[in-house]
Amino acid sequence: MTQWLAHGLSSARMVELARAYPEHPYQGGNTTFFTYVRRRRRQGGQWTLRDATVRVEGLLGKFLQIDWGAVRDFPFSQAEHSSETRYCFAAWLKYRRAIFVSFQQDMREETL
C-alpha cells in the first residue's frame, strides 16, 4: 500500500491490485477500501480534490436548481420557426429528482 501511494496510483487501481494480490486478495467493498486509502493519504500529507468536496443534501422542497439554455437552428415542426432561437428553461428539484423543462421565446424575468 505504501508503494502504491508513493507512486500516486488512483484508489480504483489500488483496489484492483489488492483484489488480484495472490497471497491475500482483498474481498471487501469499494467504499471501505476507498475510505482507508483516503485516511492514509491524509496521514501522508497527500490530499485529493475528492477529500475537499462536501455533499449537500437538503430537506423536502428546500433545493431547486434552475438553468437556461439556448437552442439554435433546431428543426421545429413548423418551417417558418426553424431559424429562430428557442430558450430552454430547466428546473430540477434535488430531493425528488423531478425535472421540469419548458421552451420559451426569450429569457426575460417576466417569462421566468
N, C-alpha and C. Protein backbone atom coordinates (compact mmCIF):
# COMPACT_ATOMS: atom_id res chain seq x y z
N MET A 1 0.83 -1.20 0.00
CA MET A 1 0.00 0.00 0.00
C MET A 1 0.87 1.25 0.00
N THR A 2 1.93 1.26 0.78
CA THR A 2 2.78 2.43 0.86
C THR A 2 3.42 2.74 -0.48
N GLN A 3 3.83 1.69 -1.19
CA GLN A 3 4.45 1.89 -2.51
C GLN A 3 3.42 2.42 -3.50
N TRP A 4 2.22 1.92 -3.43
CA TRP A 4 1.16 2.38 -4.33
C TRP A 4 0.88 3.86 -4.11
N LEU A 5 0.83 4.25 -2.83
CA LEU A 5 0.60 5.66 -2.51
C LEU A 5 1.76 6.52 -3.00
N ALA A 6 2.99 6.02 -2.84
CA ALA A 6 4.16 6.77 -3.26
C ALA A 6 4.19 6.96 -4.79
N HIS A 7 3.68 5.98 -5.52
CA HIS A 7 3.64 6.08 -6.98
C HIS A 7 2.45 6.89 -7.47
N GLY A 8 1.56 7.28 -6.57
CA GLY A 8 0.42 8.11 -6.95
C GLY A 8 -0.69 7.38 -7.68
N LEU A 9 -0.84 6.09 -7.41
CA LEU A 9 -1.91 5.32 -8.05
C LEU A 9 -3.28 5.79 -7.56
N SER A 10 -4.27 5.68 -8.41
CA SER A 10 -5.63 6.05 -8.02
C SER A 10 -6.19 4.98 -7.09
N SER A 11 -7.20 5.34 -6.34
CA SER A 11 -7.84 4.39 -5.43
C SER A 11 -8.46 3.23 -6.18
N ALA A 12 -9.02 3.51 -7.36
CA ALA A 12 -9.63 2.45 -8.16
C ALA A 12 -8.58 1.43 -8.61
N ARG A 13 -7.41 1.91 -9.02
CA ARG A 13 -6.34 1.00 -9.43
C ARG A 13 -5.82 0.20 -8.23
N MET A 14 -5.72 0.84 -7.07
CA MET A 14 -5.24 0.14 -5.88
C MET A 14 -6.18 -0.99 -5.47
N VAL A 15 -7.50 -0.76 -5.56
CA VAL A 15 -8.43 -1.82 -5.19
C VAL A 15 -8.35 -2.98 -6.19
N GLU A 16 -8.08 -2.68 -7.46
CA GLU A 16 -7.88 -3.75 -8.44
C GLU A 16 -6.66 -4.58 -8.09
N LEU A 17 -5.56 -3.90 -7.75
CA LEU A 17 -4.34 -4.62 -7.39
C LEU A 17 -4.52 -5.42 -6.11
N ALA A 18 -5.24 -4.85 -5.14
CA ALA A 18 -5.46 -5.56 -3.87
C ALA A 18 -6.31 -6.80 -4.08
N ARG A 19 -7.27 -6.74 -4.98
CA ARG A 19 -8.10 -7.93 -5.26
C ARG A 19 -7.32 -8.99 -6.03
N ALA A 20 -6.33 -8.58 -6.79
CA ALA A 20 -5.53 -9.52 -7.57
C ALA A 20 -4.30 -10.03 -6.81
N TYR A 21 -4.11 -9.56 -5.58
CA TYR A 21 -2.95 -9.97 -4.78
C TYR A 21 -3.03 -11.48 -4.51
N PRO A 22 -2.00 -12.26 -4.90
CA PRO A 22 -2.13 -13.72 -4.86
C PRO A 22 -2.21 -14.32 -3.45
N GLU A 23 -1.49 -13.78 -2.49
CA GLU A 23 -1.45 -14.39 -1.15
C GLU A 23 -2.71 -14.10 -0.34
N HIS A 24 -3.10 -12.85 -0.28
CA HIS A 24 -4.28 -12.44 0.49
C HIS A 24 -5.10 -11.45 -0.32
N PRO A 25 -5.93 -11.91 -1.24
CA PRO A 25 -6.72 -10.97 -2.06
C PRO A 25 -7.76 -10.25 -1.22
N TYR A 26 -7.93 -8.97 -1.52
CA TYR A 26 -8.93 -8.15 -0.82
C TYR A 26 -10.32 -8.57 -1.26
N GLN A 27 -11.21 -8.81 -0.30
CA GLN A 27 -12.56 -9.26 -0.62
C GLN A 27 -13.64 -8.31 -0.10
N GLY A 28 -13.23 -7.17 0.43
CA GLY A 28 -14.20 -6.22 0.97
C GLY A 28 -14.81 -5.33 -0.10
N GLY A 29 -15.58 -4.35 0.35
CA GLY A 29 -16.26 -3.42 -0.56
C GLY A 29 -15.39 -2.25 -0.96
N ASN A 30 -15.77 -1.62 -2.05
CA ASN A 30 -15.03 -0.47 -2.56
C ASN A 30 -15.03 0.70 -1.59
N THR A 31 -16.17 0.99 -1.00
CA THR A 31 -16.28 2.15 -0.11
C THR A 31 -15.34 2.02 1.08
N THR A 32 -15.28 0.84 1.66
CA THR A 32 -14.39 0.61 2.80
C THR A 32 -12.94 0.82 2.39
N PHE A 33 -12.58 0.29 1.24
CA PHE A 33 -11.20 0.42 0.76
C PHE A 33 -10.87 1.87 0.47
N PHE A 34 -11.77 2.59 -0.21
CA PHE A 34 -11.53 3.99 -0.55
C PHE A 34 -11.40 4.86 0.70
N THR A 35 -12.20 4.57 1.72
CA THR A 35 -12.11 5.32 2.97
C THR A 35 -10.76 5.10 3.63
N TYR A 36 -10.29 3.86 3.62
CA TYR A 36 -8.98 3.55 4.19
C TYR A 36 -7.87 4.27 3.43
N VAL A 37 -7.92 4.25 2.11
CA VAL A 37 -6.91 4.93 1.29
C VAL A 37 -6.93 6.43 1.55
N ARG A 38 -8.12 7.00 1.65
CA ARG A 38 -8.25 8.44 1.92
C ARG A 38 -7.57 8.80 3.24
N ARG A 39 -7.78 7.98 4.26
CA ARG A 39 -7.14 8.25 5.57
C ARG A 39 -5.63 8.15 5.46
N ARG A 40 -5.15 7.16 4.74
CA ARG A 40 -3.70 7.00 4.57
C ARG A 40 -3.11 8.19 3.82
N ARG A 41 -3.82 8.69 2.83
CA ARG A 41 -3.31 9.85 2.09
C ARG A 41 -3.26 11.08 2.97
N ARG A 42 -4.26 11.25 3.80
CA ARG A 42 -4.26 12.40 4.72
C ARG A 42 -3.09 12.32 5.70
N GLN A 43 -2.80 11.15 6.18
CA GLN A 43 -1.68 10.98 7.10
C GLN A 43 -0.35 11.28 6.42
N GLY A 44 -0.26 10.95 5.13
CA GLY A 44 0.97 11.18 4.39
C GLY A 44 1.08 12.58 3.82
N GLY A 45 0.06 13.39 4.03
CA GLY A 45 0.09 14.75 3.52
C GLY A 45 -0.41 14.88 2.09
N GLN A 46 -0.89 13.81 1.50
CA GLN A 46 -1.41 13.88 0.14
C GLN A 46 -2.92 14.09 0.18
N TRP A 47 -3.35 15.18 -0.41
CA TRP A 47 -4.78 15.49 -0.46
C TRP A 47 -5.25 15.38 -1.89
N THR A 48 -6.47 14.96 -2.06
CA THR A 48 -7.07 14.93 -3.38
C THR A 48 -8.26 15.87 -3.39
N LEU A 49 -8.75 16.20 -4.57
CA LEU A 49 -9.93 17.05 -4.68
C LEU A 49 -11.13 16.40 -4.02
N ARG A 50 -11.21 15.07 -4.11
CA ARG A 50 -12.33 14.36 -3.51
C ARG A 50 -12.38 14.55 -1.99
N ASP A 51 -11.23 14.69 -1.36
CA ASP A 51 -11.19 14.92 0.09
C ASP A 51 -11.79 16.27 0.46
N ALA A 52 -11.76 17.22 -0.47
CA ALA A 52 -12.22 18.57 -0.17
C ALA A 52 -13.69 18.79 -0.51
N THR A 53 -14.31 17.86 -1.21
CA THR A 53 -15.70 18.05 -1.60
C THR A 53 -16.64 17.65 -0.47
N VAL A 54 -17.76 18.35 -0.41
CA VAL A 54 -18.78 18.07 0.60
C VAL A 54 -20.10 17.89 -0.12
N ARG A 55 -20.76 16.79 0.12
CA ARG A 55 -22.06 16.54 -0.50
C ARG A 55 -23.13 17.26 0.32
N VAL A 56 -23.99 18.00 -0.36
CA VAL A 56 -25.03 18.77 0.30
C VAL A 56 -26.37 18.09 0.03
N GLU A 57 -27.02 17.67 1.08
CA GLU A 57 -28.35 17.08 0.97
C GLU A 57 -29.32 18.02 1.68
N GLY A 58 -30.48 18.16 1.11
CA GLY A 58 -31.45 19.07 1.69
C GLY A 58 -32.73 18.38 2.11
N LEU A 59 -33.55 19.14 2.75
CA LEU A 59 -34.86 18.64 3.17
C LEU A 59 -35.83 18.76 2.01
N LEU A 60 -36.99 18.18 2.17
CA LEU A 60 -38.01 18.21 1.12
C LEU A 60 -38.29 19.64 0.66
N GLY A 61 -38.18 19.87 -0.63
CA GLY A 61 -38.53 21.16 -1.21
C GLY A 61 -37.59 22.30 -0.90
N LYS A 62 -36.41 22.06 -0.38
CA LYS A 62 -35.52 23.14 0.00
C LYS A 62 -34.49 23.51 -1.06
N PHE A 63 -34.18 22.62 -1.99
CA PHE A 63 -33.19 22.90 -3.01
C PHE A 63 -33.79 22.74 -4.39
N LEU A 64 -33.70 23.80 -5.17
CA LEU A 64 -34.18 23.80 -6.55
C LEU A 64 -33.07 24.42 -7.40
N GLN A 65 -32.61 23.69 -8.39
CA GLN A 65 -31.60 24.20 -9.30
C GLN A 65 -32.27 24.55 -10.61
N ILE A 66 -32.02 25.77 -11.08
CA ILE A 66 -32.62 26.21 -12.35
C ILE A 66 -31.51 26.66 -13.30
N ASP A 67 -31.81 26.56 -14.60
CA ASP A 67 -30.84 26.96 -15.59
C ASP A 67 -31.54 27.27 -16.90
N TRP A 68 -30.92 28.11 -17.70
CA TRP A 68 -31.40 28.44 -19.03
C TRP A 68 -30.42 27.91 -20.05
N GLY A 69 -30.92 27.53 -21.22
CA GLY A 69 -30.07 27.11 -22.33
C GLY A 69 -30.66 27.63 -23.63
N ALA A 70 -29.83 27.75 -24.65
CA ALA A 70 -30.27 28.25 -25.95
C ALA A 70 -30.23 27.11 -26.97
N VAL A 71 -31.27 27.03 -27.80
CA VAL A 71 -31.34 26.04 -28.87
C VAL A 71 -31.42 26.83 -30.17
N ARG A 72 -30.39 26.72 -30.98
CA ARG A 72 -30.33 27.46 -32.24
C ARG A 72 -30.46 26.50 -33.42
N ASP A 73 -31.12 26.95 -34.46
CA ASP A 73 -31.28 26.17 -35.71
C ASP A 73 -31.83 24.77 -35.45
N PHE A 74 -32.78 24.67 -34.57
CA PHE A 74 -33.42 23.38 -34.29
C PHE A 74 -34.56 23.15 -35.29
N PRO A 75 -34.65 22.00 -35.88
CA PRO A 75 -35.71 21.77 -36.88
C PRO A 75 -37.08 21.61 -36.22
N PHE A 76 -37.73 22.73 -35.95
CA PHE A 76 -39.06 22.70 -35.35
C PHE A 76 -40.07 22.16 -36.36
N SER A 77 -41.23 21.81 -35.90
CA SER A 77 -42.24 21.21 -36.78
C SER A 77 -42.77 22.20 -37.82
N GLN A 78 -42.71 23.49 -37.53
CA GLN A 78 -43.17 24.49 -38.49
C GLN A 78 -41.96 25.14 -39.16
N ALA A 79 -41.92 25.12 -40.48
CA ALA A 79 -40.75 25.58 -41.23
C ALA A 79 -40.40 27.04 -40.95
N GLU A 80 -41.41 27.89 -40.74
CA GLU A 80 -41.12 29.31 -40.52
C GLU A 80 -40.40 29.58 -39.19
N HIS A 81 -40.41 28.63 -38.27
CA HIS A 81 -39.75 28.79 -36.98
C HIS A 81 -38.39 28.08 -36.92
N SER A 82 -37.95 27.47 -38.02
CA SER A 82 -36.73 26.65 -37.98
C SER A 82 -35.47 27.47 -37.75
N SER A 83 -35.43 28.73 -38.15
CA SER A 83 -34.23 29.55 -37.97
C SER A 83 -34.25 30.34 -36.68
N GLU A 84 -35.32 30.27 -35.91
CA GLU A 84 -35.42 31.03 -34.67
C GLU A 84 -34.64 30.34 -33.54
N THR A 85 -34.24 31.15 -32.59
CA THR A 85 -33.58 30.62 -31.40
C THR A 85 -34.64 30.44 -30.31
N ARG A 86 -34.67 29.28 -29.73
CA ARG A 86 -35.56 28.99 -28.61
C ARG A 86 -34.71 28.83 -27.36
N TYR A 87 -35.29 29.19 -26.24
CA TYR A 87 -34.59 29.11 -24.98
C TYR A 87 -35.24 28.03 -24.12
N CYS A 88 -34.42 27.23 -23.52
CA CYS A 88 -34.88 26.11 -22.72
C CYS A 88 -34.71 26.46 -21.24
N PHE A 89 -35.79 26.42 -20.52
CA PHE A 89 -35.76 26.63 -19.07
C PHE A 89 -35.86 25.26 -18.41
N ALA A 90 -34.93 24.94 -17.51
CA ALA A 90 -34.96 23.66 -16.81
C ALA A 90 -34.89 23.91 -15.31
N ALA A 91 -35.73 23.23 -14.57
CA ALA A 91 -35.74 23.29 -13.11
C ALA A 91 -35.66 21.87 -12.57
N TRP A 92 -34.77 21.65 -11.61
CA TRP A 92 -34.55 20.32 -11.05
C TRP A 92 -34.73 20.38 -9.55
N LEU A 93 -35.73 19.69 -9.03
CA LEU A 93 -35.97 19.60 -7.59
C LEU A 93 -35.09 18.49 -7.07
N LYS A 94 -34.05 18.84 -6.34
CA LYS A 94 -32.99 17.91 -6.00
C LYS A 94 -33.47 16.71 -5.20
N TYR A 95 -34.27 16.93 -4.18
CA TYR A 95 -34.64 15.83 -3.29
C TYR A 95 -35.44 14.77 -4.03
N ARG A 96 -36.37 15.20 -4.86
CA ARG A 96 -37.25 14.26 -5.56
C ARG A 96 -36.71 13.85 -6.92
N ARG A 97 -35.66 14.55 -7.35
CA ARG A 97 -35.07 14.31 -8.67
C ARG A 97 -36.11 14.50 -9.78
N ALA A 98 -37.00 15.44 -9.57
CA ALA A 98 -38.02 15.77 -10.56
C ALA A 98 -37.49 16.90 -11.44
N ILE A 99 -37.72 16.80 -12.74
CA ILE A 99 -37.22 17.79 -13.69
C ILE A 99 -38.38 18.39 -14.47
N PHE A 100 -38.36 19.71 -14.61
CA PHE A 100 -39.34 20.42 -15.41
C PHE A 100 -38.58 21.14 -16.51
N VAL A 101 -39.00 20.97 -17.76
CA VAL A 101 -38.35 21.62 -18.90
C VAL A 101 -39.42 22.33 -19.72
N SER A 102 -39.11 23.57 -20.13
CA SER A 102 -40.05 24.35 -20.92
C SER A 102 -39.26 25.17 -21.95
N PHE A 103 -39.74 25.23 -23.20
CA PHE A 103 -39.13 26.04 -24.23
C PHE A 103 -39.85 27.37 -24.30
N GLN A 104 -39.07 28.47 -24.36
CA GLN A 104 -39.61 29.81 -24.38
C GLN A 104 -38.99 30.60 -25.53
N GLN A 105 -39.57 31.78 -25.82
CA GLN A 105 -39.05 32.63 -26.89
C GLN A 105 -38.02 33.62 -26.40
N ASP A 106 -37.92 33.84 -25.09
CA ASP A 106 -36.94 34.76 -24.53
C ASP A 106 -36.58 34.31 -23.12
N MET A 107 -35.57 35.00 -22.53
CA MET A 107 -35.14 34.67 -21.17
C MET A 107 -35.36 35.86 -20.22
N ARG A 108 -36.40 36.61 -20.45
CA ARG A 108 -36.67 37.77 -19.58
C ARG A 108 -37.19 37.30 -18.22
N GLU A 109 -37.08 38.17 -17.27
CA GLU A 109 -37.55 37.85 -15.92
C GLU A 109 -39.06 37.62 -15.90
N GLU A 110 -39.79 38.35 -16.73
CA GLU A 110 -41.23 38.17 -16.78
C GLU A 110 -41.59 36.76 -17.26
N THR A 111 -40.80 36.22 -18.17
CA THR A 111 -41.03 34.86 -18.66
C THR A 111 -40.78 33.85 -17.56
N LEU A 112 -39.77 34.10 -16.77
CA LEU A 112 -39.45 33.20 -15.65
C LEU A 112 -40.59 33.17 -14.66
